[in-house]
Protein backbone atom coordinates (compact mmCIF):
# COMPACT_ATOMS: atom_id res chain seq x y z
CA MET A 1 0.00 0.00 0.00
CA ASP A 2 2.81 2.41 0.87
CA GLN A 3 4.52 1.57 -2.43
CA ASP A 4 1.32 2.40 -4.33
CA ARG A 5 1.06 5.69 -2.44
CA ASP A 6 4.70 6.57 -3.08
CA PHE A 7 4.30 5.80 -6.77
CA ALA A 8 1.17 7.95 -6.96
CA LEU A 9 3.00 10.82 -5.24
CA THR A 10 5.90 10.61 -7.68
CA GLN A 11 3.54 10.58 -10.65
CA MET A 12 1.51 13.44 -9.21
CA ARG A 13 4.58 15.65 -8.85
CA LYS A 14 5.44 14.94 -12.50
CA SER A 15 1.86 15.64 -13.56
CA VAL A 16 1.89 18.97 -11.69
CA GLU A 17 5.04 19.97 -13.58
CA LYS A 18 3.44 19.03 -16.91
CA LEU A 19 0.63 21.42 -16.02
CA GLY A 20 3.19 24.22 -15.71
CA SER A 21 3.28 24.36 -11.94
CA SER A 22 5.39 22.85 -9.16
CA ALA A 23 4.86 20.88 -5.96
CA GLU A 24 8.26 21.90 -4.63
CA GLY A 25 8.06 22.91 -0.98
CA TYR A 26 4.95 20.83 -0.33
CA GLY A 27 5.33 17.63 1.66
CA ASP A 28 3.75 14.27 0.94
CA PRO A 29 0.93 14.74 3.53
CA THR A 30 -0.32 17.78 1.62
CA LEU A 31 -0.27 16.03 -1.75
CA VAL A 32 -1.91 12.91 -0.29
CA ARG A 33 -4.92 15.03 0.70
CA PHE A 34 -5.44 15.95 -2.95
CA LEU A 35 -4.97 12.35 -4.06
CA ILE A 36 -7.56 11.10 -1.56
CA ALA A 37 -9.97 13.86 -2.60
CA ARG A 38 -9.71 12.60 -6.19
CA SER A 39 -9.87 8.88 -5.38
CA MET A 40 -6.10 8.45 -5.94
CA GLU A 41 -6.44 9.47 -9.60
CA VAL A 42 -3.11 11.17 -10.21
CA ASP A 43 -4.00 13.51 -13.07
CA LYS A 44 -7.21 14.73 -11.39
CA ALA A 45 -5.35 15.28 -8.11
CA ALA A 46 -2.60 17.20 -9.90
CA LYS A 47 -5.16 19.41 -11.66
CA MET A 48 -6.90 20.08 -8.35
CA PHE A 49 -3.58 20.96 -6.70
CA VAL A 50 -2.62 23.38 -9.51
CA GLN A 51 -6.04 25.03 -9.37
CA TRP A 52 -5.66 25.38 -5.60
CA ARG A 53 -2.25 27.04 -5.96
CA LYS A 54 -3.62 29.52 -8.51
CA TRP A 55 -6.59 30.28 -6.29
CA ARG A 56 -4.42 30.71 -3.20
CA THR A 57 -2.09 33.13 -4.99
CA ALA A 58 -4.99 35.25 -6.21
CA ALA A 59 -7.27 35.08 -3.15
CA VAL A 60 -4.65 35.25 -0.40
CA PRO A 61 -1.70 37.16 -1.89
CA ASN A 62 -0.20 37.96 1.53
CA GLY A 63 -0.43 34.36 2.68
CA PHE A 64 -3.12 35.19 5.23
CA ILE A 65 -6.30 37.23 5.67
CA SER A 66 -5.90 40.01 8.21
CA GLU A 67 -8.73 40.90 10.58
CA SER A 68 -8.74 44.43 9.16
CA GLU A 69 -10.05 42.97 5.88
CA ILE A 70 -13.14 41.39 7.45
CA PRO A 71 -14.49 43.80 10.11
CA ASP A 72 -18.17 43.34 9.28
CA GLU A 73 -17.97 39.56 9.58
CA LEU A 74 -16.01 39.61 12.84
CA GLU A 75 -18.20 42.18 14.57
CA PRO A 76 -21.09 39.80 15.50
CA ARG A 77 -18.64 37.40 17.22
CA LYS A 78 -20.31 34.37 15.70
CA ILE A 79 -17.32 32.02 15.22
CA PHE A 80 -15.57 30.30 18.13
CA LEU A 81 -12.37 28.27 18.40
CA GLN A 82 -12.36 25.86 21.31
CA GLY A 83 -9.13 23.87 21.36
CA LEU A 84 -8.56 20.24 20.38
CA SER A 85 -11.00 17.33 20.43
CA GLN A 86 -10.36 13.85 21.82
CA ASP A 87 -8.68 13.00 18.49
CA LYS A 88 -6.64 16.23 18.53
CA PHE A 89 -8.74 18.04 15.92
CA PRO A 90 -9.38 21.78 16.41
CA ILE A 91 -13.02 22.62 17.07
CA MET A 92 -14.69 25.53 15.30
CA ILE A 93 -18.23 26.52 16.30
CA VAL A 94 -20.63 28.69 14.29
CA ARG A 95 -23.49 30.30 16.20
CA THR A 96 -25.78 30.85 13.24
CA CYS A 97 -28.26 32.98 15.20
CA ARG A 98 -25.62 35.74 15.06
CA HIS A 99 -25.11 35.43 11.31
CA PHE A 100 -26.91 37.38 8.60
CA PRO A 101 -26.39 37.00 4.84
CA SER A 102 -23.48 39.18 3.80
CA LYS A 103 -23.96 42.19 1.55
CA ASP A 104 -20.27 42.02 0.65
CA GLN A 105 -19.50 38.61 -0.86
CA ILE A 106 -15.82 39.43 -1.34
CA GLN A 107 -15.43 40.13 2.37
CA PHE A 108 -17.46 37.01 3.22
CA LYS A 109 -15.19 34.78 1.11
CA LYS A 110 -12.15 36.30 2.82
CA PHE A 111 -13.84 35.56 6.14
CA VAL A 112 -14.28 31.91 5.16
CA VAL A 113 -10.57 31.68 4.37
CA TYR A 114 -9.70 33.41 7.65
CA ILE A 115 -11.70 31.02 9.82
CA LEU A 116 -10.55 27.89 7.97
CA ASP A 117 -6.89 28.96 7.99
CA LYS A 118 -6.92 29.92 11.65
CA THR A 119 -8.78 26.79 12.74
CA ILE A 120 -6.32 24.55 10.92
CA ALA A 121 -3.34 26.54 12.17
CA SER A 122 -4.51 26.01 15.75
CA ALA A 123 -3.81 22.29 15.30
CA CYS A 124 -0.21 22.83 14.21
CA LYS A 125 2.57 22.40 16.73
CA GLY A 126 5.34 24.69 15.57
CA ARG A 127 5.28 23.43 12.02
CA GLU A 128 2.43 22.50 9.68
CA ILE A 129 2.52 18.87 8.61
CA GLY A 130 -0.09 19.25 5.91
CA ASN A 131 -2.64 16.65 6.97
CA GLU A 132 -4.26 18.53 9.87
CA LYS A 133 -8.03 18.17 10.06
CA MET A 134 -10.78 20.09 11.86
CA ILE A 135 -14.22 19.61 13.40
CA GLY A 136 -16.98 22.05 12.56
CA ILE A 137 -20.09 22.59 14.68
CA LEU A 138 -23.04 24.49 13.21
CA ASP A 139 -25.34 25.53 16.04
CA LEU A 140 -28.77 26.33 14.59
CA GLN A 141 -30.44 27.12 17.90
CA ASN A 142 -32.63 30.26 17.98
CA ILE A 143 -32.23 31.00 14.28
CA SER A 144 -34.93 32.87 12.41
CA TYR A 145 -35.56 33.24 8.70
CA LYS A 146 -33.31 36.33 8.76
CA ASN A 147 -30.33 34.14 9.70
CA ILE A 148 -30.80 31.64 6.88
CA ASP A 149 -28.00 31.89 4.35
CA ALA A 150 -27.98 28.96 1.93
CA ARG A 151 -25.55 30.79 -0.33
CA GLY A 152 -23.11 31.31 2.54
CA LEU A 153 -23.30 27.65 3.59
CA ILE A 154 -22.74 26.48 0.03
CA THR A 155 -19.75 28.82 -0.31
CA GLY A 156 -18.22 27.52 2.92
CA PHE A 157 -18.58 23.87 1.97
CA GLN A 158 -17.42 24.48 -1.60
CA PHE A 159 -14.28 26.17 -0.28
CA LEU A 160 -13.65 23.14 1.92
CA GLN A 161 -14.12 20.77 -1.01
CA ALA A 162 -12.13 22.69 -3.61
CA TYR A 163 -9.42 24.41 -1.58
CA TYR A 164 -9.16 22.51 1.70
CA PRO A 165 -9.47 18.87 0.59
CA GLU A 166 -9.53 16.32 3.39
CA ARG A 167 -9.32 19.04 6.04
CA LEU A 168 -12.77 18.30 7.46
CA ALA A 169 -12.81 15.45 9.96
CA LYS A 170 -16.48 15.86 10.89
CA CYS A 171 -19.21 18.49 10.92
CA TYR A 172 -22.03 18.42 13.47
CA LEU A 173 -25.36 20.19 12.99
CA LEU A 174 -27.08 20.97 16.29
CA HIS A 175 -30.63 22.10 17.07
CA MET A 176 -31.90 22.00 13.49
CA PRO A 177 -35.41 23.56 13.36
CA TRP A 178 -38.07 22.11 11.09
CA PHE A 179 -38.00 25.07 8.70
CA PHE A 180 -34.29 24.56 8.05
CA VAL A 181 -34.73 21.03 6.69
CA SER A 182 -35.60 22.26 3.19
CA VAL A 183 -32.64 24.64 3.26
CA TRP A 184 -30.32 21.79 4.19
CA LYS A 185 -31.68 19.64 1.36
CA LEU A 186 -30.82 22.45 -1.05
CA VAL A 187 -27.31 22.88 0.37
CA SER A 188 -26.72 19.12 0.30
CA ARG A 189 -27.11 19.07 -3.48
CA PHE A 190 -23.84 20.98 -3.74
CA LEU A 191 -21.89 18.64 -1.46
CA GLU A 192 -19.77 15.74 -2.58
CA LYS A 193 -20.53 12.29 -1.22
CA ALA A 194 -17.32 12.29 0.83
CA THR A 195 -18.36 15.56 2.49
CA LEU A 196 -21.89 14.39 3.23
CA GLU A 197 -20.51 11.27 4.92
CA LYS A 198 -18.68 13.51 7.42
CA ILE A 199 -21.80 15.45 8.43
CA VAL A 200 -23.76 14.38 11.50
CA ILE A 201 -27.15 15.89 12.30
CA VAL A 202 -27.62 15.52 16.06
CA THR A 203 -31.29 14.87 16.76
CA ASN A 204 -31.69 12.90 20.01
CA GLU A 205 -30.14 12.22 23.42
CA ASP A 206 -28.08 9.23 22.29
CA GLU A 207 -26.58 11.22 19.43
CA THR A 208 -25.94 14.14 21.79
CA ARG A 209 -24.04 11.87 24.21
CA GLU A 210 -21.97 10.50 21.34
CA PHE A 211 -21.28 14.04 20.11
CA ILE A 212 -20.07 15.10 23.58
CA ARG A 213 -17.92 11.97 23.88
CA GLU A 214 -16.27 12.41 20.47
CA VAL A 215 -15.57 16.11 20.88
CA GLY A 216 -14.68 15.99 24.57
CA GLU A 217 -16.20 17.63 27.65
CA GLU A 218 -13.06 19.58 28.51
CA VAL A 219 -13.13 21.70 25.35
CA LEU A 220 -16.84 21.68 24.57
CA PRO A 221 -18.65 24.78 25.90
CA GLU A 222 -21.07 24.37 28.79
CA MET A 223 -24.06 25.21 26.59
CA TYR A 224 -23.34 22.04 24.61
CA GLY A 225 -22.81 19.77 27.60
CA GLY A 226 -19.12 20.45 28.14
CA LYS A 227 -17.05 22.30 30.72
CA SER A 228 -15.42 25.19 28.86
CA LYS A 229 -16.40 28.73 27.86
CA LEU A 230 -16.97 29.98 24.34
CA VAL A 231 -13.89 31.68 22.88
CA ALA A 232 -14.38 33.98 19.88
CA ILE A 233 -11.96 33.16 17.08
CA GLN A 234 -10.57 36.71 16.98
CA ASP A 235 -9.62 36.40 20.66
CA VAL A 236 -7.45 33.33 20.04
CA GLU A 237 -3.76 34.07 19.62
CA LEU A 238 -1.66 31.52 17.76
CA ALA A 239 2.08 31.06 17.78
CA GLN A 240 3.81 31.84 14.48
CA LEU A 241 4.41 28.69 12.46
CA GLU A 242 7.94 27.85 11.35
CA ASN A 243 6.83 27.52 7.73
CA GLY A 244 4.30 30.34 7.65
CA THR A 245 0.53 30.44 7.90
CA ALA A 246 -1.32 27.16 7.51
CA ASN A 247 -3.43 26.72 4.39
């Protein structure tokens, strides 16, 4: 199995070069994510990697999104970063009752990059390996029709699929109201099978206990059955990585 993986990695690097790009400076764990995302099909993985590099250069020219670029999205304090789960995955929580559809889609897309980059970076210990994953929690409690943003959800998941392959370990949906079911069905049409398989809609006590067990009481906020406090993502300070910002 390792020989097959090593062969695929070698061929992928060659395929990336044929496409006029380079995988130099990127370790095997990073490239493996793209291979897995494309079912180990070398040429498709190479194309995805090249497209990602082009997107990253254009969308994040400084290597990171500064908070000064996304003031409107940060102001509601709707995203929280809680530490590491039982399996050492960083936990990002979205309180959707504080979210309203953005009037500035450019700023919103930068915000998506900011929260994904920072969540992933919080799992790195000094140096990014390239295979770090994250857990997302969408809390739908107390939402109204004004908070519903199918476009925003689709954008977030599409960014994960196209530009952060194999970064999502699991995504939990909590407190889904009946009127959101149709919205979720619409959003689901835009999700790949591999993404859908990582999404858990928590609907009963047994599933809630399993959710608490998998995430961990120590880092899960009290309002979700844990022992910690909510920490807004902009209040979390991360140590500088040896090889720059995670992406």
